[in-house]
PDB file of N, CA and C in Angstrom:
ATOM      1  N   MET A   1      93.699 176.894 150.549  1.00  0.00           N
ATOM      2  CA  MET A   1      92.343 177.291 150.261  1.00  0.00           C
ATOM      3  C   MET A   1      92.075 178.608 150.988  1.00  0.00           C
ATOM      4  N   LYS A   2      91.548 179.558 150.253  1.00  0.00           N
ATOM      5  CA  LYS A   2      91.218 180.855 150.832  1.00  0.00           C
ATOM      6  C   LYS A   2      89.917 180.731 151.621  1.00  0.00           C
ATOM      7  N   LEU A   3      89.880 181.296 152.787  1.00  0.00           N
ATOM      8  CA  LEU A   3      88.692 181.234 153.641  1.00  0.00           C
ATOM      9  C   LEU A   3      88.052 182.604 153.746  1.00  0.00           C
ATOM     10  N   GLU A   4      86.747 182.604 153.914  1.00  0.00           N
ATOM     11  CA  GLU A   4      85.996 183.843 154.093  1.00  0.00           C
ATOM     12  C   GLU A   4      85.091 183.685 155.294  1.00  0.00           C
ATOM     13  N   ALA A   5      85.065 184.680 156.139  1.00  0.00           N
ATOM     14  CA  ALA A   5      84.212 184.653 157.327  1.00  0.00           C
ATOM     15  C   ALA A   5      82.802 185.091 156.936  1.00  0.00           C
ATOM     16  N   VAL A   6      81.812 184.332 157.411  1.00  0.00           N
ATOM     17  CA  VAL A   6      80.411 184.673 157.161  1.00  0.00           C
ATOM     18  C   VAL A   6      79.633 184.517 158.462  1.00  0.00           C
ATOM     19  N   THR A   7      78.489 185.162 158.523  1.00  0.00           N
ATOM     20  CA  THR A   7      77.598 185.018 159.664  1.00  0.00           C
ATOM     21  C   THR A   7      76.380 184.235 159.203  1.00  0.00           C
ATOM     22  N   ILE A   8      76.031 183.208 159.943  1.00  0.00           N
ATOM     23  CA  ILE A   8      74.837 182.431 159.609  1.00  0.00           C
ATOM     24  C   ILE A   8      73.928 182.376 160.831  1.00  0.00           C
ATOM     25  N   ARG A   9      72.660 182.259 160.566  1.00  0.00           N
ATOM     26  CA  ARG A   9      71.675 182.139 161.648  1.00  0.00           C
ATOM     27  C   ARG A   9      71.111 180.716 161.580  1.00  0.00           C
ATOM     28  N   ILE A  10      71.212 180.025 162.700  1.00  0.00           N
ATOM     29  CA  ILE A  10      70.794 178.627 162.780  1.00  0.00           C
ATOM     30  C   ILE A  10      69.747 178.504 163.873  1.00  0.00           C
ATOM     31  N   PRO A  11      68.656 177.794 163.600  1.00  0.00           N
ATOM     32  CA  PRO A  11      67.661 177.572 164.655  1.00  0.00           C
ATOM     33  C   PRO A  11      68.324 176.938 165.886  1.00  0.00           C
ATOM     34  N   THR A  12      67.921 177.387 167.040  1.00  0.00           N
ATOM     35  CA  THR A  12      68.536 176.957 168.293  1.00  0.00           C
ATOM     36  C   THR A  12      68.515 175.441 168.460  1.00  0.00           C
ATOM     37  N   ASP A  13      67.384 174.811 168.143  1.00  0.00           N
ATOM     38  CA  ASP A  13      67.297 173.354 168.320  1.00  0.00           C
ATOM     39  C   ASP A  13      68.239 172.613 167.372  1.00  0.00           C
ATOM     40  N   LEU A  14      68.403 173.110 166.166  1.00  0.00           N
ATOM     41  CA  LEU A  14      69.330 172.491 165.220  1.00  0.00           C
ATOM     42  C   LEU A  14      70.770 172.665 165.687  1.00  0.00           C
ATOM     43  N   LEU A  15      71.092 173.816 166.202  1.00  0.00           N
ATOM     44  CA  LEU A  15      72.433 174.070 166.735  1.00  0.00           C
ATOM     45  C   LEU A  15      72.739 173.130 167.895  1.00  0.00           C
ATOM     46  N   GLU A  16      71.777 172.920 168.768  1.00  0.00           N
ATOM     47  CA  GLU A  16      71.968 172.012 169.906  1.00  0.00           C
ATOM     48  C   GLU A  16      72.193 170.580 169.410  1.00  0.00           C
ATOM     49  N   GLN A  17      71.432 170.157 168.411  1.00  0.00           N
ATOM     50  CA  GLN A  17      71.626 168.815 167.849  1.00  0.00           C
ATOM     51  C   GLN A  17      73.017 168.683 167.235  1.00  0.00           C
ATOM     52  N   ALA A  18      73.454 169.720 166.531  1.00  0.00           N
ATOM     53  CA  ALA A  18      74.789 169.702 165.925  1.00  0.00           C
ATOM     54  C   ALA A  18      75.855 169.568 167.004  1.00  0.00           C
ATOM     55  N   ARG A  19      75.694 170.262 168.095  1.00  0.00           N
ATOM     56  CA  ARG A  19      76.667 170.174 169.203  1.00  0.00           C
ATOM     57  C   ARG A  19      76.712 168.766 169.778  1.00  0.00           C
ATOM     58  N   GLN A  20      75.559 168.122 169.877  1.00  0.00           N
ATOM     59  CA  GLN A  20      75.494 166.770 170.436  1.00  0.00           C
ATOM     60  C   GLN A  20      76.195 165.749 169.544  1.00  0.00           C
ATOM     61  N   PHE A  21      76.170 165.972 168.230  1.00  0.00           N
ATOM     62  CA  PHE A  21      76.707 164.990 167.304  1.00  0.00           C
ATOM     63  C   PHE A  21      78.112 165.311 166.797  1.00  0.00           C
ATOM     64  N   ARG A  22      78.725 166.359 167.328  1.00  0.00           N
ATOM     65  CA  ARG A  22      80.111 166.649 166.936  1.00  0.00           C
ATOM     66  C   ARG A  22      80.991 165.497 167.363  1.00  0.00           C
ATOM     67  N   GLU A  23      81.992 165.219 166.558  1.00  0.00           N
ATOM     68  CA  GLU A  23      82.896 164.111 166.858  1.00  0.00           C
ATOM     69  C   GLU A  23      84.179 164.628 167.484  1.00  0.00           C
ATOM     70  N   GLY A  24      84.490 164.157 168.684  1.00  0.00           N
ATOM     71  CA  GLY A  24      85.742 164.487 169.353  1.00  0.00           C
ATOM     72  C   GLY A  24      86.066 165.969 169.364  1.00  0.00           C
ATOM     73  N   SER A  25      87.177 166.313 168.745  1.00  0.00           N
ATOM     74  CA  SER A  25      87.635 167.699 168.743  1.00  0.00           C
ATOM     75  C   SER A  25      87.171 168.447 167.484  1.00  0.00           C
ATOM     76  N   GLU A  26      86.217 167.885 166.767  1.00  0.00           N
ATOM     77  CA  GLU A  26      85.703 168.523 165.556  1.00  0.00           C
ATOM     78  C   GLU A  26      85.113 169.890 165.894  1.00  0.00           C
ATOM     79  N   SER A  27      85.515 170.887 165.142  1.00  0.00           N
ATOM     80  CA  SER A  27      84.980 172.225 165.389  1.00  0.00           C
ATOM     81  C   SER A  27      83.631 172.369 164.689  1.00  0.00           C
ATOM     82  N   PHE A  28      82.855 173.305 165.201  1.00  0.00           N
ATOM     83  CA  PHE A  28      81.567 173.584 164.571  1.00  0.00           C
ATOM     84  C   PHE A  28      81.795 174.058 163.136  1.00  0.00           C
ATOM     85  N   ASN A  29      82.859 174.815 162.916  1.00  0.00           N
ATOM     86  CA  ASN A  29      83.203 175.305 161.581  1.00  0.00           C
ATOM     87  C   ASN A  29      83.447 174.132 160.628  1.00  0.00           C
ATOM     88  N   GLU A  30      84.204 173.131 161.072  1.00  0.00           N
ATOM     89  CA  GLU A  30      84.471 171.952 160.235  1.00  0.00           C
ATOM     90  C   GLU A  30      83.172 171.237 159.880  1.00  0.00           C
ATOM     91  N   MET A  31      82.285 171.148 160.843  1.00  0.00           N
ATOM     92  CA  MET A  31      81.006 170.490 160.625  1.00  0.00           C
ATOM     93  C   MET A  31      80.185 171.232 159.562  1.00  0.00           C
ATOM     94  N   VAL A  32      80.150 172.543 159.646  1.00  0.00           N
ATOM     95  CA  VAL A  32      79.389 173.350 158.692  1.00  0.00           C
ATOM     96  C   VAL A  32      80.012 173.263 157.304  1.00  0.00           C
ATOM     97  N   VAL A  33      81.337 173.351 157.217  1.00  0.00           N
ATOM     98  CA  VAL A  33      82.017 173.276 155.922  1.00  0.00           C
ATOM     99  C   VAL A  33      81.745 171.922 155.262  1.00  0.00           C
ATOM    100  N   GLU A  34      81.826 170.850 156.031  1.00  0.00           N
ATOM    101  CA  GLU A  34      81.561 169.516 155.493  1.00  0.00           C
ATOM    102  C   GLU A  34      80.109 169.393 155.010  1.00  0.00           C
ATOM    103  N   ALA A  35      79.179 169.945 155.785  1.00  0.00           N
ATOM    104  CA  ALA A  35      77.769 169.892 155.403  1.00  0.00           C
ATOM    105  C   ALA A  35      77.516 170.667 154.109  1.00  0.00           C
ATOM    106  N   ILE A  36      78.117 171.830 153.978  1.00  0.00           N
ATOM    107  CA  ILE A  36      77.937 172.624 152.755  1.00  0.00           C
ATOM    108  C   ILE A  36      78.573 171.916 151.566  1.00  0.00           C
ATOM    109  N   ALA A  37      79.763 171.342 151.754  1.00  0.00           N
ATOM    110  CA  ALA A  37      80.427 170.613 150.672  1.00  0.00           C
ATOM    111  C   ALA A  37      79.568 169.434 150.213  1.00  0.00           C
ATOM    112  N   SER A  38      78.983 168.719 151.153  1.00  0.00           N
ATOM    113  CA  SER A  38      78.106 167.585 150.808  1.00  0.00           C
ATOM    114  C   SER A  38      76.874 168.054 150.049  1.00  0.00           C
ATOM    115  N   GLU A  39      76.302 169.155 150.477  1.00  0.00           N
ATOM    116  CA  GLU A  39      75.105 169.680 149.816  1.00  0.00           C
ATOM    117  C   GLU A  39      75.422 170.171 148.402  1.00  0.00           C
ATOM    118  N   VAL A  40      76.565 170.823 148.231  1.00  0.00           N
ATOM    119  CA  VAL A  40      76.969 171.269 146.893  1.00  0.00           C
ATOM    120  C   VAL A  40      77.149 170.064 145.978  1.00  0.00           C
ATOM    121  N   GLN A  41      77.807 169.016 146.467  1.00  0.00           N
ATOM    122  CA  GLN A  41      77.997 167.800 145.667  1.00  0.00           C
ATOM    123  C   GLN A  41      76.653 167.158 145.335  1.00  0.00           C
ATOM    124  N   ARG A  42      75.746 167.093 146.297  1.00  0.00           N
ATOM    125  CA  ARG A  42      74.420 166.510 146.061  1.00  0.00           C
ATOM    126  C   ARG A  42      73.682 167.280 144.967  1.00  0.00           C
ATOM    127  N   ARG A  43      73.753 168.600 145.024  1.00  0.00           N
ATOM    128  CA  ARG A  43      73.061 169.421 144.025  1.00  0.00           C
ATOM    129  C   ARG A  43      73.711 169.299 142.648  1.00  0.00           C
ATOM    130  N   ARG A  44      75.032 169.150 142.598  1.00  0.00           N
ATOM    131  CA  ARG A  44      75.711 168.921 141.320  1.00  0.00           C
ATOM    132  C   ARG A  44      75.231 167.617 140.687  1.00  0.00           C
ATOM    133  N   ILE A  45      75.164 166.586 141.493  1.00  0.00           N
ATOM    134  CA  ILE A  45      74.707 165.282 141.013  1.00  0.00           C
ATOM    135  C   ILE A  45      73.260 165.371 140.543  1.00  0.00           C
ATOM    136  N   LEU A  46      72.416 166.042 141.308  1.00  0.00           N
ATOM    137  CA  LEU A  46      71.014 166.203 140.933  1.00  0.00           C
ATOM    138  C   LEU A  46      70.883 166.958 139.618  1.00  0.00           C
ATOM    139  N   THR A  47      71.662 168.017 139.438  1.00  0.00           N
ATOM    140  CA  THR A  47      71.632 168.790 138.200  1.00  0.00           C
ATOM    141  C   THR A  47      72.064 167.930 137.015  1.00  0.00           C
ATOM    142  N   ALA A  48      73.124 167.140 137.191  1.00  0.00           N
ATOM    143  CA  ALA A  48      73.581 166.252 136.123  1.00  0.00           C
ATOM    144  C   ALA A  48      72.508 165.223 135.785  1.00  0.00           C
ATOM    145  N   HIS A  49      71.881 164.675 136.813  1.00  0.00           N
ATOM    146  CA  HIS A  49      70.815 163.692 136.592  1.00  0.00           C
ATOM    147  C   HIS A  49      69.651 164.318 135.819  1.00  0.00           C
ATOM    148  N   GLU A  50      69.279 165.532 136.176  1.00  0.00           N
ATOM    149  CA  GLU A  50      68.190 166.218 135.484  1.00  0.00           C
ATOM    150  C   GLU A  50      68.541 166.462 134.013  1.00  0.00           C
ATOM    151  N   ARG A  51      69.818 166.793 133.732  1.00  0.00           N
ATOM    152  CA  ARG A  51      70.248 166.976 132.335  1.00  0.00           C
ATOM    153  C   ARG A  51      70.163 165.666 131.571  1.00  0.00           C
ATOM    154  N   ILE A  52      70.572 164.566 132.204  1.00  0.00           N
ATOM    155  CA  ILE A  52      70.513 163.252 131.562  1.00  0.00           C
ATOM    156  C   ILE A  52      69.074 162.870 131.257  1.00  0.00           C
ATOM    157  N   VAL A  53      68.178 163.072 132.216  1.00  0.00           N
ATOM    158  CA  VAL A  53      66.761 162.741 132.016  1.00  0.00           C
ATOM    159  C   VAL A  53      66.171 163.590 130.890  1.00  0.00           C
ATOM    160  N   ALA A  54      66.495 164.886 130.879  1.00  0.00           N
ATOM    161  CA  ALA A  54      65.989 165.771 129.826  1.00  0.00           C
ATOM    162  C   ALA A  54      66.513 165.344 128.462  1.00  0.00           C
ATOM    163  N   ARG A  55      67.798 165.007 128.395  1.00  0.00           N
ATOM    164  CA  ARG A  55      68.390 164.571 127.117  1.00  0.00           C
ATOM    165  C   ARG A  55      67.772 163.250 126.664  1.00  0.00           C
ATOM    166  N   SER A  56      67.543 162.347 127.580  1.00  0.00           N
ATOM    167  CA  SER A  56      66.908 161.071 127.236  1.00  0.00           C
ATOM    168  C   SER A  56      65.507 161.298 126.682  1.00  0.00           C
ATOM    169  N   ALA A  57      64.765 162.198 127.320  1.00  0.00           N
ATOM    170  CA  ALA A  57      63.412 162.510 126.844  1.00  0.00           C
ATOM    171  C   ALA A  57      63.466 163.150 125.460  1.00  0.00           C
ATOM    172  N   GLU A  58      64.441 164.008 125.235  1.00  0.00           N
ATOM    173  CA  GLU A  58      64.609 164.655 123.930  1.00  0.00           C
ATOM    174  C   GLU A  58      64.935 163.618 122.858  1.00  0.00           C
ATOM    175  N   LEU A  59      65.838 162.700 123.164  1.00  0.00           N
ATOM    176  CA  LEU A  59      66.184 161.648 122.206  1.00  0.00           C
ATOM    177  C   LEU A  59      64.989 160.745 121.921  1.00  0.00           C
ATOM    178  N   GLU A  60      64.253 160.405 122.960  1.00  0.00           N
ATOM    179  CA  GLU A  60      63.075 159.557 122.781  1.00  0.00           C
ATOM    180  C   GLU A  60      62.037 160.258 121.910  1.00  0.00           C
ATOM    181  N   ALA A  61      61.853 161.560 122.119  1.00  0.00           N
ATOM    182  CA  ALA A  61      60.883 162.310 121.317  1.00  0.00           C
ATOM    183  C   ALA A  61      61.318 162.377 119.861  1.00  0.00           C
ATOM    184  N   ASN A  62      62.609 162.511 119.621  1.00  0.00           N
ATOM    185  CA  ASN A  62      63.109 162.614 118.245  1.00  0.00           C
ATOM    186  C   ASN A  62      63.248 161.278 117.539  1.00  0.00           C
ATOM    187  N   LYS A  63      63.702 160.261 118.237  1.00  0.00           N
ATOM    188  CA  LYS A  63      64.030 158.977 117.620  1.00  0.00           C
ATOM    189  C   LYS A  63      63.130 157.837 118.049  1.00  0.00           C
ATOM    190  N   GLY A  64      62.293 158.060 119.038  1.00  0.00           N
ATOM    191  CA  GLY A  64      61.476 156.978 119.570  1.00  0.00           C
ATOM    192  C   GLY A  64      62.261 156.170 120.578  1.00  0.00           C
ATOM    193  N   ILE A  65      61.616 155.188 121.153  1.00  0.00           N
ATOM    194  CA  ILE A  65      62.277 154.345 122.142  1.00  0.00           C
ATOM    195  C   ILE A  65      63.216 153.390 121.411  1.00  0.00           C
ATOM    196  N   GLN A  66      64.458 153.379 121.834  1.00  0.00           N
ATOM    197  CA  GLN A  66      65.463 152.525 121.213  1.00  0.00           C
ATOM    198  C   GLN A  66      65.359 151.119 121.795  1.00  0.00           C
ATOM    199  N   SER A  67      65.618 150.139 120.962  1.00  0.00           N
ATOM    200  CA  SER A  67      65.580 148.762 121.444  1.00  0.00           C
ATOM    201  C   SER A  67      66.754 148.528 122.390  1.00  0.00           C
ATOM    202  N   SER A  68      66.569 147.593 123.279  1.00  0.00           N
ATOM    203  CA  SER A  68      67.598 147.288 124.261  1.00  0.00           C
ATOM    204  C   SER A  68      68.796 146.638 123.576  1.00  0.00           C
ATOM    205  N   SER A  69      69.973 147.000 124.003  1.00  0.00           N
ATOM    206  CA  SER A  69      71.190 146.424 123.440  1.00  0.00           C
ATOM    207  C   SER A  69      71.749 145.318 124.334  1.00  0.00           C
ATOM    208  N   VAL A  70      71.020 144.949 125.370  1.00  0.00           N
ATOM    209  CA  VAL A  70      71.501 143.958 126.334  1.00  0.00           C
ATOM    210  C   VAL A  70      71.790 142.631 125.648  1.00  0.00           C
ATOM    211  N   GLU A  71      70.873 142.148 124.831  1.00  0.00           N
ATOM    212  CA  GLU A  71      71.064 140.857 124.171  1.00  0.00           C
ATOM    213  C   GLU A  71      72.256 140.893 123.225  1.00  0.00           C
ATOM    214  N   LEU A  72      72.424 141.966 122.474  1.00  0.00           N
ATOM    215  CA  LEU A  72      73.564 142.106 121.572  1.00  0.00           C
ATOM    216  C   LEU A  72      74.875 142.084 122.354  1.00  0.00           C
ATOM    217  N   ILE A  73      74.924 142.768 123.463  1.00  0.00           N
ATOM    218  CA  ILE A  73      76.130 142.779 124.296  1.00  0.00           C
ATOM    219  C   ILE A  73      76.430 141.378 124.816  1.00  0.00           C
ATOM    220  N   ARG A  74      75.403 140.657 125.242  1.00  0.00           N
ATOM    221  CA  ARG A  74      75.609 139.274 125.717  1.00  0.00           C
ATOM    222  C   ARG A  74      76.161 138.395 124.612  1.00  0.00           C
ATOM    223  N   GLN A  75      75.628 138.539 123.413  1.00  0.00           N
ATOM    224  CA  GLN A  75      76.110 137.755 122.277  1.00  0.00           C
ATOM    225  C   GLN A  75      77.572 138.064 121.982  1.00  0.00           C
ATOM    226  N   LEU A  76      77.916 139.323 121.997  1.00  0.00           N
ATOM    227  CA  LEU A  76      79.300 139.708 121.736  1.00  0.00           C
ATOM    228  C   LEU A  76      80.238 139.170 122.806  1.00  0.00           C
ATOM    229  N   ARG A  77      79.811 139.217 124.046  1.00  0.00           N
ATOM    230  CA  ARG A  77      80.646 138.713 125.142  1.00  0.00           C
ATOM    231  C   ARG A  77      80.835 137.205 125.056  1.00  0.00           C
ATOM    232  N   SER A  78      79.812 136.505 124.600  1.00  0.00           N
ATOM    233  CA  SER A  78      79.916 135.048 124.505  1.00  0.00           C
ATOM    234  C   SER A  78      80.626 134.606 123.236  1.00  0.00           C
ATOM    235  N   GLY A  79      80.952 135.536 122.363  1.00  0.00           N
ATOM    236  CA  GLY A  79      81.697 135.210 121.161  1.00  0.00           C
ATOM    237  C   GLY A  79      80.835 135.043 119.923  1.00  0.00           C
ATOM    238  N   GLU A  80      79.539 135.115 120.075  1.00  0.00           N
ATOM    239  CA  GLU A  80      78.655 135.001 118.916  1.00  0.00           C
ATOM    240  C   GLU A  80      78.782 136.233 118.041  1.00  0.00           C
ATOM    241  N   GLU A  81      78.785 136.029 116.761  1.00  0.00           N
ATOM    242  CA  GLU A  81      78.819 137.107 115.766  1.00  0.00           C
ATOM    243  C   GLU A  81      80.042 138.016 115.902  1.00  0.00           C
ATOM    244  N   ARG A  82      81.114 137.487 116.479  1.00  0.00           N
ATOM    245  CA  ARG A  82      82.355 138.269 116.563  1.00  0.00           C
ATOM    246  C   ARG A  82      83.078 138.217 115.243  1.00  0.00           C
ATOM    247  N   ARG A  83      83.726 139.285 114.916  1.00  0.00           N
ATOM    248  CA  ARG A  83      84.488 139.347 113.671  1.00  0.00           C
ATOM    249  C   ARG A  83      85.929 139.755 113.971  1.00  0.00           C
ATOM    250  N   ASP A  84      86.616 138.932 114.756  1.00  0.00           N
ATOM    251  CA  ASP A  84      87.993 139.268 115.159  1.00  0.00           C
ATOM    252  C   ASP A  84      88.936 139.225 113.985  1.00  0.00           C
TER     253      ASP A  84
END
């Protein structure tokens, strides 16, 4: 993995808290990289969720609320109305 050096400014109290919670020989750099990776993943998930919600709203607006398929799935699992 290619690395790039950057300068960041962190509030003093937050930096002190980060130092207190470092684990063993964990470097501050490792802590920051892990935090950024977690935040990127969180934002990816949030973006995907927002797309799903928007698509669901679009489908509901176009087709109306669809009936639940839970009962049909239960029937199929129990063998009712199977056409093997």
